[in-house]
């Protein structure tokens, strides 16, 4: 490994040291989860209270409109399929079936980056990638939809 000189760009040094720290933490096995949880709590605790409350409301909104079973209420639903965790897991089969989300009045997608859902009861949801340290319940990641710990490679709009 090359020795880092004092003339190296500070952001390169930060990245190098961060990567070394990540390697050390992940080498701790199960204890790594506790350390990462502590770091994320620090990051989240630094966010504005309004942003944290809005995130909680988004999780609650999605939970109200999500079912693991085929919905009994007729309507149009977003169905997540072909799930895997971690996202880069090689699958020998189709992966896990995901939830039904809806009923929806509309679904809007922009460049596989964000999507919006308009629910039949008037609620609306805009997916965003978690970039400010505040989690979001559902979003695109590497052309898959992340939801509740699982990455889904397929999704459909279905009428029930």
N, C-alpha and C. Protein backbone atom coordinates (compact mmCIF):
# COMPACT_ATOMS: atom_id res chain seq x y z
N UNK A 1 0.85 -1.17 0.00
CA UNK A 1 0.00 0.00 0.00
C UNK A 1 0.90 1.24 0.00
N UNK A 2 0.50 2.22 -0.76
CA UNK A 2 1.27 3.46 -0.83
C UNK A 2 1.06 4.26 0.45
N UNK A 3 2.09 4.93 0.90
CA UNK A 3 1.99 5.77 2.09
C UNK A 3 1.38 7.09 1.66
N UNK A 4 0.40 7.55 2.43
CA UNK A 4 -0.28 8.81 2.12
C UNK A 4 0.63 9.96 2.54
N UNK A 5 0.86 10.89 1.64
CA UNK A 5 1.71 12.04 1.97
C UNK A 5 0.85 13.16 2.53
N UNK A 6 1.49 14.09 3.20
CA UNK A 6 0.78 15.24 3.75
C UNK A 6 0.26 16.16 2.65
N UNK A 7 0.77 15.98 1.42
CA UNK A 7 0.32 16.81 0.30
C UNK A 7 -0.95 16.26 -0.34
N UNK A 8 -1.41 15.10 0.10
CA UNK A 8 -2.60 14.50 -0.46
C UNK A 8 -3.82 15.35 -0.15
N UNK A 9 -4.73 15.40 -1.08
CA UNK A 9 -5.98 16.14 -0.94
C UNK A 9 -6.69 15.71 0.36
N UNK A 10 -7.15 16.66 1.19
CA UNK A 10 -7.82 16.31 2.45
C UNK A 10 -9.03 15.40 2.27
N UNK A 11 -9.79 15.57 1.18
CA UNK A 11 -10.94 14.69 0.98
C UNK A 11 -10.49 13.27 0.67
N UNK A 12 -9.34 13.12 -0.01
CA UNK A 12 -8.79 11.78 -0.24
C UNK A 12 -8.40 11.14 1.08
N UNK A 13 -7.80 11.93 1.96
CA UNK A 13 -7.42 11.41 3.28
C UNK A 13 -8.64 11.00 4.08
N UNK A 14 -9.68 11.83 4.03
CA UNK A 14 -10.91 11.52 4.75
C UNK A 14 -11.50 10.22 4.23
N UNK A 15 -11.56 10.07 2.91
CA UNK A 15 -12.09 8.86 2.32
C UNK A 15 -11.26 7.64 2.68
N UNK A 16 -9.95 7.79 2.64
CA UNK A 16 -9.06 6.68 2.99
C UNK A 16 -9.28 6.25 4.44
N UNK A 17 -9.30 7.21 5.36
CA UNK A 17 -9.48 6.89 6.77
C UNK A 17 -10.87 6.34 7.05
N UNK A 18 -11.88 6.85 6.37
CA UNK A 18 -13.24 6.33 6.54
C UNK A 18 -13.30 4.87 6.09
N UNK A 19 -12.69 4.56 4.94
CA UNK A 19 -12.69 3.18 4.46
C UNK A 19 -11.95 2.26 5.42
N UNK A 20 -10.84 2.72 5.98
CA UNK A 20 -10.11 1.89 6.94
C UNK A 20 -10.95 1.64 8.19
N UNK A 21 -11.68 2.68 8.62
CA UNK A 21 -12.54 2.52 9.80
C UNK A 21 -13.67 1.53 9.52
N UNK A 22 -14.27 1.63 8.32
CA UNK A 22 -15.34 0.71 7.94
C UNK A 22 -14.83 -0.73 7.94
N UNK A 23 -13.65 -0.97 7.38
CA UNK A 23 -13.08 -2.32 7.38
C UNK A 23 -12.92 -2.83 8.81
N UNK A 24 -12.44 -1.98 9.70
CA UNK A 24 -12.23 -2.38 11.09
C UNK A 24 -13.56 -2.72 11.76
N UNK A 25 -14.59 -1.89 11.54
CA UNK A 25 -15.88 -2.13 12.17
C UNK A 25 -16.51 -3.42 11.65
N UNK A 26 -16.51 -3.62 10.33
CA UNK A 26 -17.13 -4.82 9.77
C UNK A 26 -16.37 -6.09 10.16
N UNK A 27 -15.12 -5.98 10.49
CA UNK A 27 -14.37 -7.17 10.91
C UNK A 27 -14.79 -7.62 12.31
N UNK A 28 -15.60 -6.83 13.00
CA UNK A 28 -16.06 -7.18 14.35
C UNK A 28 -17.24 -8.14 14.34
N UNK A 29 -17.71 -8.52 13.16
CA UNK A 29 -18.83 -9.46 13.07
C UNK A 29 -20.11 -8.85 13.62
N UNK A 30 -20.84 -9.60 14.45
CA UNK A 30 -22.13 -9.11 14.97
C UNK A 30 -22.03 -7.80 15.75
N UNK A 31 -20.91 -7.51 16.35
CA UNK A 31 -20.76 -6.26 17.10
C UNK A 31 -20.76 -5.05 16.17
N UNK A 32 -20.53 -5.28 14.88
CA UNK A 32 -20.52 -4.18 13.91
C UNK A 32 -21.87 -3.48 13.85
N UNK A 33 -22.95 -4.26 13.93
CA UNK A 33 -24.29 -3.68 13.86
C UNK A 33 -24.51 -2.67 14.98
N UNK A 34 -24.06 -2.98 16.17
CA UNK A 34 -24.21 -2.07 17.31
C UNK A 34 -23.45 -0.76 17.06
N UNK A 35 -22.25 -0.87 16.52
CA UNK A 35 -21.43 0.33 16.26
C UNK A 35 -22.05 1.18 15.16
N UNK A 36 -22.52 0.56 14.10
CA UNK A 36 -23.16 1.29 13.01
C UNK A 36 -24.44 1.95 13.51
N UNK A 37 -25.20 1.26 14.33
CA UNK A 37 -26.42 1.83 14.90
C UNK A 37 -26.08 3.09 15.71
N UNK A 38 -25.00 3.04 16.48
CA UNK A 38 -24.58 4.20 17.27
C UNK A 38 -24.25 5.38 16.35
N UNK A 39 -23.52 5.11 15.27
CA UNK A 39 -23.17 6.19 14.32
C UNK A 39 -24.42 6.79 13.69
N UNK A 40 -25.33 5.93 13.25
CA UNK A 40 -26.53 6.43 12.59
C UNK A 40 -27.41 7.22 13.56
N UNK A 41 -27.46 6.81 14.81
CA UNK A 41 -28.21 7.59 15.80
C UNK A 41 -27.61 9.00 15.94
N UNK A 42 -26.29 9.09 15.90
CA UNK A 42 -25.64 10.41 15.97
C UNK A 42 -26.00 11.26 14.76
N UNK A 43 -25.98 10.65 13.58
CA UNK A 43 -26.31 11.39 12.35
C UNK A 43 -27.77 11.85 12.40
N UNK A 44 -28.68 10.94 12.74
CA UNK A 44 -30.10 11.27 12.76
C UNK A 44 -30.41 12.31 13.83
N UNK A 45 -29.75 12.20 14.99
CA UNK A 45 -30.03 13.16 16.07
C UNK A 45 -29.63 14.58 15.69
N UNK A 46 -28.79 14.73 14.68
CA UNK A 46 -28.38 16.06 14.23
C UNK A 46 -29.33 16.69 13.23
N UNK A 47 -30.37 15.97 12.86
CA UNK A 47 -31.31 16.48 11.86
C UNK A 47 -32.37 17.35 12.53
N UNK A 48 -33.00 18.18 11.70
CA UNK A 48 -34.06 19.04 12.20
C UNK A 48 -35.26 18.21 12.64
N UNK A 49 -35.90 18.60 13.72
CA UNK A 49 -37.06 17.89 14.25
C UNK A 49 -38.17 17.77 13.21
N UNK A 50 -38.37 18.80 12.40
CA UNK A 50 -39.42 18.77 11.38
C UNK A 50 -39.14 17.67 10.35
N UNK A 51 -37.85 17.50 9.97
CA UNK A 51 -37.48 16.47 9.00
C UNK A 51 -37.70 15.07 9.58
N UNK A 52 -37.39 14.90 10.86
CA UNK A 52 -37.59 13.61 11.51
C UNK A 52 -39.07 13.28 11.60
N UNK A 53 -39.89 14.27 11.96
CA UNK A 53 -41.33 14.04 12.05
C UNK A 53 -41.91 13.72 10.68
N UNK A 54 -41.47 14.40 9.64
CA UNK A 54 -41.95 14.13 8.28
C UNK A 54 -41.58 12.71 7.85
N UNK A 55 -40.39 12.26 8.21
CA UNK A 55 -39.97 10.90 7.87
C UNK A 55 -40.84 9.86 8.56
N UNK A 56 -41.13 10.08 9.83
CA UNK A 56 -42.00 9.16 10.58
C UNK A 56 -43.37 9.10 9.91
N UNK A 57 -43.90 10.25 9.50
CA UNK A 57 -45.20 10.28 8.84
C UNK A 57 -45.19 9.51 7.53
N UNK A 58 -44.06 9.57 6.79
CA UNK A 58 -43.95 8.81 5.53
C UNK A 58 -43.98 7.31 5.80
N UNK A 59 -43.25 6.86 6.84
CA UNK A 59 -43.27 5.45 7.19
C UNK A 59 -44.68 5.01 7.58
N UNK A 60 -45.38 5.81 8.36
CA UNK A 60 -46.74 5.49 8.78
C UNK A 60 -47.69 5.46 7.59
N UNK A 61 -47.54 6.41 6.67
CA UNK A 61 -48.38 6.47 5.48
C UNK A 61 -48.21 5.20 4.65
N UNK A 62 -46.98 4.79 4.39
CA UNK A 62 -46.74 3.59 3.60
C UNK A 62 -47.27 2.35 4.31
N UNK A 63 -47.07 2.29 5.62
CA UNK A 63 -47.54 1.13 6.38
C UNK A 63 -49.07 1.00 6.28
N UNK A 64 -49.79 2.13 6.35
CA UNK A 64 -51.25 2.11 6.23
C UNK A 64 -51.71 1.60 4.87
N UNK A 65 -50.88 1.79 3.85
CA UNK A 65 -51.27 1.44 2.48
C UNK A 65 -50.57 0.19 1.97
N UNK A 66 -50.00 -0.62 2.86
CA UNK A 66 -49.23 -1.80 2.45
C UNK A 66 -49.81 -3.06 3.08
N UNK A 67 -49.85 -4.11 2.27
CA UNK A 67 -50.35 -5.40 2.74
C UNK A 67 -49.47 -6.51 2.18
N UNK A 68 -49.16 -7.51 3.00
CA UNK A 68 -48.41 -8.67 2.52
C UNK A 68 -49.32 -9.65 1.80
N UNK A 69 -50.59 -9.61 2.09
CA UNK A 69 -51.56 -10.52 1.47
C UNK A 69 -52.25 -9.82 0.31
N UNK A 70 -52.81 -10.62 -0.61
CA UNK A 70 -53.59 -10.04 -1.71
C UNK A 70 -54.70 -9.19 -1.09
N UNK A 71 -54.78 -7.93 -1.48
CA UNK A 71 -55.76 -7.04 -0.86
C UNK A 71 -57.20 -7.49 -1.11
N UNK A 72 -58.04 -7.26 -0.10
CA UNK A 72 -59.46 -7.56 -0.24
C UNK A 72 -60.19 -6.39 -0.89
N UNK A 73 -59.67 -5.18 -0.71
CA UNK A 73 -60.28 -3.98 -1.26
C UNK A 73 -59.91 -3.87 -2.74
N UNK A 74 -60.91 -3.67 -3.59
CA UNK A 74 -60.62 -3.55 -5.02
C UNK A 74 -59.91 -2.22 -5.30
N UNK A 75 -59.14 -2.22 -6.35
CA UNK A 75 -58.42 -1.02 -6.75
C UNK A 75 -57.16 -1.38 -7.51
N UNK A 76 -56.31 -0.38 -7.71
CA UNK A 76 -55.05 -0.56 -8.41
C UNK A 76 -53.93 -0.53 -7.38
N UNK A 77 -52.98 -1.47 -7.52
CA UNK A 77 -51.92 -1.64 -6.53
C UNK A 77 -50.56 -1.72 -7.21
N UNK A 78 -49.54 -1.25 -6.49
CA UNK A 78 -48.14 -1.48 -6.85
C UNK A 78 -47.73 -2.77 -6.16
N UNK A 79 -47.32 -3.77 -6.93
CA UNK A 79 -46.91 -5.06 -6.38
C UNK A 79 -45.40 -5.21 -6.57
N UNK A 80 -44.68 -5.44 -5.47
CA UNK A 80 -43.23 -5.61 -5.52
C UNK A 80 -42.89 -7.09 -5.60
N UNK A 81 -41.93 -7.44 -6.46
CA UNK A 81 -41.57 -8.83 -6.73
C UNK A 81 -40.06 -8.99 -6.87
N UNK A 82 -39.61 -10.24 -6.82
CA UNK A 82 -38.22 -10.59 -7.09
C UNK A 82 -37.28 -9.92 -6.09
N UNK A 83 -37.61 -10.08 -4.80
CA UNK A 83 -36.86 -9.42 -3.75
C UNK A 83 -35.59 -10.16 -3.36
N UNK A 84 -34.62 -9.37 -2.89
CA UNK A 84 -33.38 -9.93 -2.38
C UNK A 84 -32.77 -8.97 -1.38
N UNK A 85 -31.98 -9.53 -0.46
CA UNK A 85 -31.21 -8.73 0.49
C UNK A 85 -29.96 -9.56 0.83
N UNK A 86 -28.79 -9.03 0.57
CA UNK A 86 -28.49 -7.67 0.13
C UNK A 86 -28.84 -7.46 -1.35
N UNK A 87 -28.76 -6.22 -1.79
CA UNK A 87 -29.21 -5.85 -3.14
C UNK A 87 -28.45 -6.57 -4.24
N UNK A 88 -27.21 -6.95 -3.98
CA UNK A 88 -26.40 -7.60 -5.02
C UNK A 88 -26.39 -9.12 -4.90
N UNK A 89 -27.30 -9.67 -4.12
CA UNK A 89 -27.40 -11.12 -3.94
C UNK A 89 -27.69 -11.80 -5.28
N UNK A 90 -26.92 -12.83 -5.61
CA UNK A 90 -27.17 -13.64 -6.80
C UNK A 90 -28.31 -14.60 -6.47
N UNK A 91 -29.35 -14.59 -7.28
CA UNK A 91 -30.51 -15.43 -7.02
C UNK A 91 -30.52 -16.63 -7.96
N UNK A 92 -30.84 -17.79 -7.43
CA UNK A 92 -31.03 -18.99 -8.24
C UNK A 92 -32.48 -19.13 -8.67
N UNK A 93 -33.36 -18.36 -8.05
CA UNK A 93 -34.78 -18.44 -8.31
C UNK A 93 -35.30 -17.02 -8.47
N UNK A 94 -36.59 -16.82 -8.27
CA UNK A 94 -37.21 -15.52 -8.48
C UNK A 94 -37.06 -14.55 -7.33
N UNK A 95 -36.59 -15.00 -6.19
CA UNK A 95 -36.53 -14.12 -5.04
C UNK A 95 -37.88 -14.05 -4.34
N UNK A 96 -37.96 -13.22 -3.33
CA UNK A 96 -39.18 -13.18 -2.52
C UNK A 96 -40.23 -12.26 -3.11
N UNK A 97 -41.50 -12.64 -2.87
CA UNK A 97 -42.61 -11.75 -3.22
C UNK A 97 -42.66 -10.63 -2.19
N UNK A 98 -42.97 -9.47 -2.66
CA UNK A 98 -43.08 -8.33 -1.76
C UNK A 98 -44.51 -7.96 -1.50
N UNK A 99 -44.70 -6.81 -0.89
CA UNK A 99 -46.04 -6.37 -0.50
C UNK A 99 -46.83 -5.79 -1.66
N UNK A 100 -48.10 -5.58 -1.38
CA UNK A 100 -49.02 -4.85 -2.24
C UNK A 100 -49.14 -3.45 -1.64
N UNK A 101 -49.01 -2.42 -2.45
CA UNK A 101 -49.11 -1.05 -1.96
C UNK A 101 -50.25 -0.37 -2.70
N UNK A 102 -51.23 0.13 -1.93
CA UNK A 102 -52.36 0.77 -2.56
C UNK A 102 -53.58 0.70 -1.66
N UNK A 103 -54.76 0.90 -2.20
CA UNK A 103 -55.01 1.18 -3.61
C UNK A 103 -54.53 2.58 -4.01
N UNK A 104 -54.09 2.67 -5.26
CA UNK A 104 -53.57 3.94 -5.76
C UNK A 104 -54.46 4.47 -6.88
N UNK A 105 -54.45 5.79 -7.02
CA UNK A 105 -55.12 6.42 -8.15
C UNK A 105 -54.11 6.63 -9.28
N UNK A 106 -52.84 6.88 -8.89
CA UNK A 106 -51.83 7.13 -9.90
C UNK A 106 -50.43 6.78 -9.37
N UNK A 107 -49.52 6.56 -10.33
CA UNK A 107 -48.12 6.26 -10.07
C UNK A 107 -47.33 7.08 -11.08
N UNK A 108 -46.36 7.85 -10.62
CA UNK A 108 -45.53 8.66 -11.52
C UNK A 108 -44.07 8.36 -11.23
N UNK A 109 -43.29 8.09 -12.28
CA UNK A 109 -41.87 7.76 -12.14
C UNK A 109 -41.05 8.73 -12.98
N UNK A 110 -39.92 9.20 -12.44
CA UNK A 110 -39.03 10.10 -13.14
C UNK A 110 -37.64 9.48 -13.24
N UNK A 111 -37.25 9.08 -14.45
CA UNK A 111 -35.91 8.57 -14.75
C UNK A 111 -35.41 7.48 -13.80
N UNK A 112 -36.28 6.61 -13.33
CA UNK A 112 -35.92 5.58 -12.35
C UNK A 112 -35.14 6.17 -11.18
N UNK A 113 -35.46 7.40 -10.84
CA UNK A 113 -34.79 8.10 -9.74
C UNK A 113 -35.75 8.33 -8.58
N UNK A 114 -36.92 8.83 -8.90
CA UNK A 114 -37.95 9.04 -7.88
C UNK A 114 -39.29 8.57 -8.45
N UNK A 115 -40.21 8.32 -7.57
CA UNK A 115 -41.57 8.04 -8.01
C UNK A 115 -42.53 8.60 -6.97
N UNK A 116 -43.73 8.83 -7.44
CA UNK A 116 -44.78 9.35 -6.57
C UNK A 116 -45.97 8.41 -6.66
N UNK A 117 -46.67 8.30 -5.54
CA UNK A 117 -47.88 7.49 -5.47
C UNK A 117 -49.02 8.38 -5.00
N UNK A 118 -50.13 8.34 -5.71
CA UNK A 118 -51.35 9.00 -5.28
C UNK A 118 -52.32 7.93 -4.85
N UNK A 119 -52.64 7.89 -3.58
CA UNK A 119 -53.51 6.84 -3.04
C UNK A 119 -54.98 7.20 -3.23
N UNK A 120 -55.81 6.17 -3.29
CA UNK A 120 -57.25 6.36 -3.53
C UNK A 120 -57.90 7.21 -2.45
N UNK A 121 -57.35 7.21 -1.23
CA UNK A 121 -57.94 8.00 -0.14
C UNK A 121 -57.46 9.45 -0.13
N UNK A 122 -56.66 9.84 -1.12
CA UNK A 122 -56.18 11.21 -1.21
C UNK A 122 -54.77 11.43 -0.70
N UNK A 123 -54.21 10.48 0.06
CA UNK A 123 -52.82 10.59 0.51
C UNK A 123 -51.88 10.54 -0.69
N UNK A 124 -50.72 11.20 -0.56
CA UNK A 124 -49.71 11.18 -1.62
C UNK A 124 -48.35 10.93 -0.99
N UNK A 125 -47.49 10.25 -1.77
CA UNK A 125 -46.13 9.95 -1.31
C UNK A 125 -45.16 10.21 -2.45
N UNK A 126 -44.05 10.88 -2.14
CA UNK A 126 -42.97 11.11 -3.09
C UNK A 126 -41.73 10.40 -2.57
N UNK A 127 -41.22 9.44 -3.33
CA UNK A 127 -40.00 8.75 -2.90
C UNK A 127 -38.79 9.64 -3.14
N UNK A 128 -37.86 9.59 -2.23
CA UNK A 128 -36.59 10.29 -2.39
C UNK A 128 -35.50 9.36 -1.87
N UNK A 129 -34.28 9.54 -2.35
CA UNK A 129 -33.18 8.73 -1.85
C UNK A 129 -32.75 9.33 -0.51
N UNK A 130 -32.50 8.49 0.50
CA UNK A 130 -32.11 9.03 1.81
C UNK A 130 -30.72 9.66 1.75
N UNK A 131 -30.68 10.98 1.64
CA UNK A 131 -29.40 11.65 1.44
C UNK A 131 -28.99 12.57 2.59
N UNK A 132 -29.90 12.89 3.48
CA UNK A 132 -29.55 13.81 4.55
C UNK A 132 -29.45 13.12 5.91
N UNK A 133 -29.36 11.80 5.91
CA UNK A 133 -29.26 11.07 7.16
C UNK A 133 -30.59 10.63 7.72
N UNK A 134 -31.68 11.03 7.07
CA UNK A 134 -33.00 10.63 7.52
C UNK A 134 -33.50 9.53 6.59
N UNK A 135 -33.92 8.41 7.16
CA UNK A 135 -34.38 7.28 6.37
C UNK A 135 -35.67 7.60 5.65
N UNK A 136 -35.89 6.94 4.54
CA UNK A 136 -37.14 7.03 3.80
C UNK A 136 -37.64 5.60 3.57
N UNK A 137 -38.95 5.37 3.60
CA UNK A 137 -39.44 4.00 3.60
C UNK A 137 -39.30 3.24 2.29
N UNK A 138 -39.30 3.94 1.17
CA UNK A 138 -39.25 3.27 -0.13
C UNK A 138 -38.57 4.20 -1.12
N UNK A 139 -37.68 3.63 -1.95
CA UNK A 139 -36.96 4.46 -2.93
C UNK A 139 -36.28 3.56 -3.96
N UNK A 140 -35.86 4.17 -5.07
CA UNK A 140 -35.08 3.45 -6.08
C UNK A 140 -33.63 3.35 -5.63
N UNK A 141 -33.04 2.19 -5.87
CA UNK A 141 -31.61 1.98 -5.64
C UNK A 141 -31.11 1.02 -6.70
N UNK A 142 -30.21 1.49 -7.55
CA UNK A 142 -29.63 0.68 -8.63
C UNK A 142 -30.71 -0.06 -9.41
N UNK A 143 -31.69 0.67 -9.88
CA UNK A 143 -32.79 0.18 -10.72
C UNK A 143 -33.70 -0.83 -10.01
N UNK A 144 -33.63 -0.86 -8.70
CA UNK A 144 -34.54 -1.69 -7.91
C UNK A 144 -35.30 -0.77 -6.95
N UNK A 145 -36.38 -1.29 -6.41
CA UNK A 145 -37.11 -0.54 -5.39
C UNK A 145 -36.75 -1.15 -4.04
N UNK A 146 -36.26 -0.29 -3.14
CA UNK A 146 -35.99 -0.72 -1.76
C UNK A 146 -37.24 -0.50 -0.94
N UNK A 147 -37.62 -1.52 -0.15
CA UNK A 147 -38.72 -1.36 0.80
C UNK A 147 -38.52 -2.34 1.95
N UNK A 148 -38.50 -1.86 3.16
CA UNK A 148 -38.49 -2.66 4.38
C UNK A 148 -37.39 -3.73 4.40
N UNK A 149 -36.16 -3.32 4.06
CA UNK A 149 -35.01 -4.21 4.15
C UNK A 149 -34.78 -5.11 2.96
N UNK A 150 -35.60 -4.99 1.93
CA UNK A 150 -35.50 -5.85 0.75
C UNK A 150 -35.44 -4.98 -0.51
N UNK A 151 -34.65 -5.42 -1.48
CA UNK A 151 -34.53 -4.76 -2.78
C UNK A 151 -35.30 -5.59 -3.80
N UNK A 152 -36.24 -4.95 -4.51
CA UNK A 152 -37.11 -5.64 -5.46
C UNK A 152 -36.72 -5.27 -6.89
N UNK A 153 -36.43 -6.28 -7.70
CA UNK A 153 -36.03 -6.06 -9.08
C UNK A 153 -37.19 -5.93 -10.03
N UNK A 154 -38.35 -6.39 -9.65
CA UNK A 154 -39.55 -6.32 -10.49
C UNK A 154 -40.67 -5.66 -9.69
N UNK A 155 -41.51 -4.95 -10.41
CA UNK A 155 -42.72 -4.39 -9.81
C UNK A 155 -43.76 -4.28 -10.91
N UNK A 156 -45.00 -4.34 -10.49
CA UNK A 156 -46.11 -4.30 -11.43
C UNK A 156 -47.19 -3.38 -10.87
N UNK A 157 -48.01 -2.89 -11.78
CA UNK A 157 -49.22 -2.20 -11.40
C UNK A 157 -50.36 -3.17 -11.73
N UNK A 158 -51.12 -3.58 -10.71
CA UNK A 158 -52.17 -4.58 -10.89
C UNK A 158 -53.52 -4.06 -10.40
N UNK A 159 -54.55 -4.42 -11.12
CA UNK A 159 -55.92 -4.12 -10.69
C UNK A 159 -56.48 -5.32 -9.97
N UNK A 160 -57.02 -5.09 -8.80
CA UNK A 160 -57.65 -6.15 -7.99
C UNK A 160 -59.15 -5.92 -8.03
